[in-house]
Amino acid sequence: MVEPVAVDVAAAPESTPAAARVLRRFRVVFNAVKTHFQQVERRSGVGGAQLWALSIIGAHPAIGVGGLGRSMDVHQTTASNLVKALVQRELVVAQRSGPDRRAVQLRLTPTGARILRKAPGPFAGVLPDALARLDAATLARMDHDLGRLIDLLQADQRAAGIPLAQM
């Protein structure tokens, strides 16, 4: 693994091309996200997306897979795969109850609750947490500008439904 080199992005000379300065900022953001998820996994023993799912299930006992997917802003299939892994690790139980036996209600096991208590936050990750603290005008500008960048990259829009912790 390559160790990150500390670069003071703010100190980049004005003569540095704008594209290089922005690229450096992306690197700082990606490194912050990566470092957070590494700390989460090291301290809790579960990946970032799994921890986020555990936190939502813990906050909303009896939530279904669809509700979990909506809460995480991921496709239901992605949520279902997360749930399967959590059930296999005995961190979550999935119970079928009520008139519609197809509907699953999710609950933390004592082990899942223990992992959640010892895990570092924010559970959704540092990037969603930071974005939630930005004002509406900044978010609108970022949304527009990142949309232009995505168009230039001709990026696969389906990637929008994959949690960062799984990339």
C-alpha atoms as a PDB file:
ATOM      1  CA  MET A   1       0.000   0.000   0.000  1.00  0.00           C
ATOM      2  CA  VAL A   2       1.287   3.466  -0.865  1.00  0.00           C
ATOM      3  CA  GLU A   3       1.444   5.854   2.043  1.00  0.00           C
ATOM      4  CA  PRO A   4      -0.290   9.185   1.363  1.00  0.00           C
ATOM      5  CA  VAL A   5       1.994  12.194   1.062  1.00  0.00           C
ATOM      6  CA  ALA A   6       0.946  15.266   3.012  1.00  0.00           C
ATOM      7  CA  VAL A   7       0.241  18.115   0.600  1.00  0.00           C
ATOM      8  CA  ASP A   8      -0.991  21.500   1.707  1.00  0.00           C
ATOM      9  CA  VAL A   9      -3.602  22.085  -0.976  1.00  0.00           C
ATOM     10  CA  ALA A  10      -4.259  25.626   0.191  1.00  0.00           C
ATOM     11  CA  ALA A  11      -0.545  26.413  -0.212  1.00  0.00           C
ATOM     12  CA  ALA A  12      -0.458  25.315  -3.861  1.00  0.00           C
ATOM     13  CA  PRO A  13       1.008  28.211  -5.806  1.00  0.00           C
ATOM     14  CA  GLU A  14      -1.318  30.224  -7.968  1.00  0.00           C
ATOM     15  CA  SER A  15       0.866  29.224 -10.895  1.00  0.00           C
ATOM     16  CA  THR A  16      -0.319  25.626 -10.420  1.00  0.00           C
ATOM     17  CA  PRO A  17      -2.953  24.972 -13.076  1.00  0.00           C
ATOM     18  CA  ALA A  18      -6.503  25.063 -11.739  1.00  0.00           C
ATOM     19  CA  ALA A  19      -7.145  21.482 -12.846  1.00  0.00           C
ATOM     20  CA  ALA A  20      -4.163  20.275 -10.777  1.00  0.00           C
ATOM     21  CA  ARG A  21      -5.351  22.210  -7.707  1.00  0.00           C
ATOM     22  CA  VAL A  22      -8.845  20.706  -8.014  1.00  0.00           C
ATOM     23  CA  LEU A  23      -7.379  17.232  -8.518  1.00  0.00           C
ATOM     24  CA  ARG A  24      -5.402  17.688  -5.293  1.00  0.00           C
ATOM     25  CA  ARG A  25      -8.609  18.626  -3.480  1.00  0.00           C
ATOM     26  CA  PHE A  26     -10.310  15.476  -4.779  1.00  0.00           C
ATOM     27  CA  ARG A  27      -7.375  13.464  -3.475  1.00  0.00           C
ATOM     28  CA  VAL A  28      -7.753  15.047  -0.037  1.00  0.00           C
ATOM     29  CA  VAL A  29     -11.487  14.241  -0.005  1.00  0.00           C
ATOM     30  CA  PHE A  30     -10.971  10.648  -1.172  1.00  0.00           C
ATOM     31  CA  ASN A  31      -8.194  10.126   1.374  1.00  0.00           C
ATOM     32  CA  ALA A  32     -10.394  11.446   4.199  1.00  0.00           C
ATOM     33  CA  VAL A  33     -13.189   9.060   3.195  1.00  0.00           C
ATOM     34  CA  LYS A  34     -10.810   6.112   2.826  1.00  0.00           C
ATOM     35  CA  THR A  35      -9.107   6.816   6.166  1.00  0.00           C
ATOM     36  CA  HIS A  36     -12.460   7.036   7.946  1.00  0.00           C
ATOM     37  CA  PHE A  37     -13.645   3.703   6.547  1.00  0.00           C
ATOM     38  CA  GLN A  38     -10.330   2.056   7.460  1.00  0.00           C
ATOM     39  CA  GLN A  39     -10.701   3.311  11.048  1.00  0.00           C
ATOM     40  CA  VAL A  40     -14.301   2.101  11.160  1.00  0.00           C
ATOM     41  CA  GLU A  41     -13.347  -1.386  10.033  1.00  0.00           C
ATOM     42  CA  ARG A  42     -10.331  -1.557  12.328  1.00  0.00           C
ATOM     43  CA  ARG A  43     -12.321  -0.487  15.415  1.00  0.00           C
ATOM     44  CA  SER A  44     -15.616  -2.260  14.747  1.00  0.00           C
ATOM     45  CA  GLY A  45     -14.714  -5.234  12.570  1.00  0.00           C
ATOM     46  CA  VAL A  46     -17.368  -4.346   9.983  1.00  0.00           C
ATOM     47  CA  GLY A  47     -17.183  -2.309   6.814  1.00  0.00           C
ATOM     48  CA  GLY A  48     -18.513   1.220   6.569  1.00  0.00           C
ATOM     49  CA  ALA A  49     -21.655   0.354   4.600  1.00  0.00           C
ATOM     50  CA  GLN A  50     -22.478  -2.447   7.039  1.00  0.00           C
ATOM     51  CA  LEU A  51     -21.989  -0.110   9.997  1.00  0.00           C
ATOM     52  CA  TRP A  52     -24.249   2.488   8.392  1.00  0.00           C
ATOM     53  CA  ALA A  53     -26.905  -0.183   7.844  1.00  0.00           C
ATOM     54  CA  LEU A  54     -26.553  -1.334  11.469  1.00  0.00           C
ATOM     55  CA  SER A  55     -27.026   2.244  12.675  1.00  0.00           C
ATOM     56  CA  ILE A  56     -30.221   2.666  10.649  1.00  0.00           C
ATOM     57  CA  ILE A  57     -31.611  -0.685  11.800  1.00  0.00           C
ATOM     58  CA  GLY A  58     -30.719   0.214  15.387  1.00  0.00           C
ATOM     59  CA  ALA A  59     -32.488   3.571  15.084  1.00  0.00           C
ATOM     60  CA  HIS A  60     -35.525   2.065  13.317  1.00  0.00           C
ATOM     61  CA  PRO A  61     -36.237  -1.422  14.692  1.00  0.00           C
ATOM     62  CA  ALA A  62     -38.512  -3.410  12.378  1.00  0.00           C
ATOM     63  CA  ILE A  63     -37.444  -1.426   9.305  1.00  0.00           C
ATOM     64  CA  GLY A  64     -37.704  -3.413   6.097  1.00  0.00           C
ATOM     65  CA  VAL A  65     -35.116  -3.897   3.387  1.00  0.00           C
ATOM     66  CA  GLY A  66     -36.836  -1.327   1.165  1.00  0.00           C
ATOM     67  CA  GLY A  67     -36.856   1.223   3.978  1.00  0.00           C
ATOM     68  CA  LEU A  68     -33.203   0.530   4.654  1.00  0.00           C
ATOM     69  CA  GLY A  69     -32.380   1.066   0.986  1.00  0.00           C
ATOM     70  CA  ARG A  70     -34.279   4.369   0.935  1.00  0.00           C
ATOM     71  CA  SER A  71     -32.552   5.522   4.133  1.00  0.00           C
ATOM     72  CA  MET A  72     -29.144   4.762   2.651  1.00  0.00           C
ATOM     73  CA  ASP A  73     -30.114   6.044  -0.816  1.00  0.00           C
ATOM     74  CA  VAL A  74     -29.077   2.751  -2.413  1.00  0.00           C
ATOM     75  CA  HIS A  75     -30.901   0.272  -4.627  1.00  0.00           C
ATOM     76  CA  GLN A  76     -32.980  -2.330  -2.793  1.00  0.00           C
ATOM     77  CA  THR A  77     -30.701  -5.079  -4.153  1.00  0.00           C
ATOM     78  CA  THR A  78     -27.689  -3.392  -2.547  1.00  0.00           C
ATOM     79  CA  ALA A  79     -29.576  -3.109   0.744  1.00  0.00           C
ATOM     80  CA  SER A  80     -30.609  -6.747   0.486  1.00  0.00           C
ATOM     81  CA  ASN A  81     -26.988  -7.826  -0.008  1.00  0.00           C
ATOM     82  CA  LEU A  82     -25.935  -5.795   3.029  1.00  0.00           C
ATOM     83  CA  VAL A  83     -28.687  -7.416   5.097  1.00  0.00           C
ATOM     84  CA  LYS A  84     -27.665 -10.916   3.984  1.00  0.00           C
ATOM     85  CA  ALA A  85     -24.095 -10.270   5.140  1.00  0.00           C
ATOM     86  CA  LEU A  86     -25.284  -8.845   8.476  1.00  0.00           C
ATOM     87  CA  VAL A  87     -27.626 -11.798   9.047  1.00  0.00           C
ATOM     88  CA  GLN A  88     -24.837 -14.276   8.222  1.00  0.00           C
ATOM     89  CA  ARG A  89     -22.594 -12.569  10.765  1.00  0.00           C
ATOM     90  CA  GLU A  90     -25.469 -12.722  13.287  1.00  0.00           C
ATOM     91  CA  LEU A  91     -25.494  -8.946  13.730  1.00  0.00           C
ATOM     92  CA  VAL A  92     -29.079  -8.604  12.503  1.00  0.00           C
ATOM     93  CA  VAL A  93     -32.139 -10.832  12.553  1.00  0.00           C
ATOM     94  CA  ALA A  94     -34.690 -10.741   9.766  1.00  0.00           C
ATOM     95  CA  GLN A  95     -38.160 -11.785  10.868  1.00  0.00           C
ATOM     96  CA  ARG A  96     -41.219 -12.305   8.727  1.00  0.00           C
ATOM     97  CA  SER A  97     -44.360 -11.297  10.532  1.00  0.00           C
ATOM     98  CA  GLY A  98     -47.731  -9.726   9.969  1.00  0.00           C
ATOM     99  CA  PRO A  99     -50.224 -10.470   7.208  1.00  0.00           C
ATOM    100  CA  ASP A 100     -47.648 -10.168   4.403  1.00  0.00           C
ATOM    101  CA  ARG A 101     -45.177 -12.949   5.140  1.00  0.00           C
ATOM    102  CA  ARG A 102     -42.912 -11.657   2.357  1.00  0.00           C
ATOM    103  CA  ALA A 103     -42.149  -8.489   4.297  1.00  0.00           C
ATOM    104  CA  VAL A 104     -39.055  -8.731   6.475  1.00  0.00           C
ATOM    105  CA  GLN A 105     -38.531  -6.762   9.669  1.00  0.00           C
ATOM    106  CA  LEU A 106     -34.932  -6.150  10.694  1.00  0.00           C
ATOM    107  CA  ARG A 107     -33.607  -5.917  14.231  1.00  0.00           C
ATOM    108  CA  LEU A 108     -30.139  -5.739  15.749  1.00  0.00           C
ATOM    109  CA  THR A 109     -28.857  -8.717  17.703  1.00  0.00           C
ATOM    110  CA  PRO A 110     -27.039  -8.014  20.980  1.00  0.00           C
ATOM    111  CA  THR A 111     -23.756  -8.510  19.085  1.00  0.00           C
ATOM    112  CA  GLY A 112     -24.835  -5.998  16.423  1.00  0.00           C
ATOM    113  CA  ALA A 113     -25.783  -3.478  19.114  1.00  0.00           C
ATOM    114  CA  ARG A 114     -22.406  -3.979  20.834  1.00  0.00           C
ATOM    115  CA  ILE A 115     -20.510  -3.355  17.578  1.00  0.00           C
ATOM    116  CA  LEU A 116     -22.550  -0.240  16.947  1.00  0.00           C
ATOM    117  CA  ARG A 117     -21.755   1.113  20.429  1.00  0.00           C
ATOM    118  CA  LYS A 118     -17.995   0.754  19.982  1.00  0.00           C
ATOM    119  CA  ALA A 119     -17.803   1.982  16.382  1.00  0.00           C
ATOM    120  CA  PRO A 120     -16.596   5.467  15.493  1.00  0.00           C
ATOM    121  CA  GLY A 121     -19.016   7.838  13.845  1.00  0.00           C
ATOM    122  CA  PRO A 122     -20.376   9.370  11.814  1.00  0.00           C
ATOM    123  CA  PHE A 123     -22.051   6.123  10.807  1.00  0.00           C
ATOM    124  CA  ALA A 124     -23.041   7.306   7.321  1.00  0.00           C
ATOM    125  CA  GLY A 125     -19.433   8.369   6.727  1.00  0.00           C
ATOM    126  CA  VAL A 126     -17.502  11.604   6.870  1.00  0.00           C
ATOM    127  CA  LEU A 127     -18.489  12.812   3.399  1.00  0.00           C
ATOM    128  CA  PRO A 128     -22.290  12.619   3.835  1.00  0.00           C
ATOM    129  CA  ASP A 129     -21.844  14.203   7.269  1.00  0.00           C
ATOM    130  CA  ALA A 130     -19.818  17.102   5.858  1.00  0.00           C
ATOM    131  CA  LEU A 131     -22.194  17.594   2.914  1.00  0.00           C
ATOM    132  CA  ALA A 132     -25.154  17.756   5.307  1.00  0.00           C
ATOM    133  CA  ARG A 133     -23.453  20.677   7.067  1.00  0.00           C
ATOM    134  CA  LEU A 134     -23.094  22.763   3.891  1.00  0.00           C
ATOM    135  CA  ASP A 135     -25.598  25.489   3.010  1.00  0.00           C
ATOM    136  CA  ALA A 136     -28.121  25.035   0.207  1.00  0.00           C
ATOM    137  CA  ALA A 137     -26.398  27.442  -2.207  1.00  0.00           C
ATOM    138  CA  THR A 138     -23.050  25.637  -1.887  1.00  0.00           C
ATOM    139  CA  LEU A 139     -24.725  22.267  -2.402  1.00  0.00           C
ATOM    140  CA  ALA A 140     -26.551  23.549  -5.489  1.00  0.00           C
ATOM    141  CA  ARG A 141     -23.277  24.832  -7.012  1.00  0.00           C
ATOM    142  CA  MET A 142     -21.494  21.577  -6.221  1.00  0.00           C
ATOM    143  CA  ASP A 143     -24.354  19.535  -7.660  1.00  0.00           C
ATOM    144  CA  HIS A 144     -24.284  21.516 -10.887  1.00  0.00           C
ATOM    145  CA  ASP A 145     -20.493  21.482 -11.237  1.00  0.00           C
ATOM    146  CA  LEU A 146     -20.127  17.801 -10.379  1.00  0.00           C
ATOM    147  CA  GLY A 147     -22.881  17.048 -12.892  1.00  0.00           C
ATOM    148  CA  ARG A 148     -20.767  18.714 -15.580  1.00  0.00           C
ATOM    149  CA  LEU A 149     -17.707  16.725 -14.488  1.00  0.00           C
ATOM    150  CA  ILE A 150     -19.684  13.455 -14.560  1.00  0.00           C
ATOM    151  CA  ASP A 151     -20.876  14.276 -18.092  1.00  0.00           C
ATOM    152  CA  LEU A 152     -17.286  14.877 -19.240  1.00  0.00           C
ATOM    153  CA  LEU A 153     -16.196  11.598 -17.655  1.00  0.00           C
ATOM    154  CA  GLN A 154     -19.098   9.822 -19.375  1.00  0.00           C
ATOM    155  CA  ALA A 155     -19.428   8.027 -16.042  1.00  0.00           C
ATOM    156  CA  ASP A 156     -21.849   5.194 -15.367  1.00  0.00           C
ATOM    157  CA  GLN A 157     -24.762   6.804 -13.506  1.00  0.00           C
ATOM    158  CA  ARG A 158     -25.553   3.480 -11.795  1.00  0.00           C
ATOM    159  CA  ALA A 159     -22.513   4.027  -9.582  1.00  0.00           C
ATOM    160  CA  ALA A 160     -24.555   6.683  -7.729  1.00  0.00           C
ATOM    161  CA  GLY A 161     -26.335   3.865  -5.853  1.00  0.00           C
ATOM    162  CA  ILE A 162     -23.172   2.214  -4.517  1.00  0.00           C
ATOM    163  CA  PRO A 163     -22.101   3.232  -1.007  1.00  0.00           C
ATOM    164  CA  LEU A 164     -18.645   4.822  -0.922  1.00  0.00           C
ATOM    165  CA  ALA A 165     -17.526   2.237   1.611  1.00  0.00           C
ATOM    166  CA  GLN A 166     -18.031  -0.457  -1.020  1.00  0.00           C
ATOM    167  CA  MET A 167     -15.972   1.233  -3.732  1.00  0.00           C
END
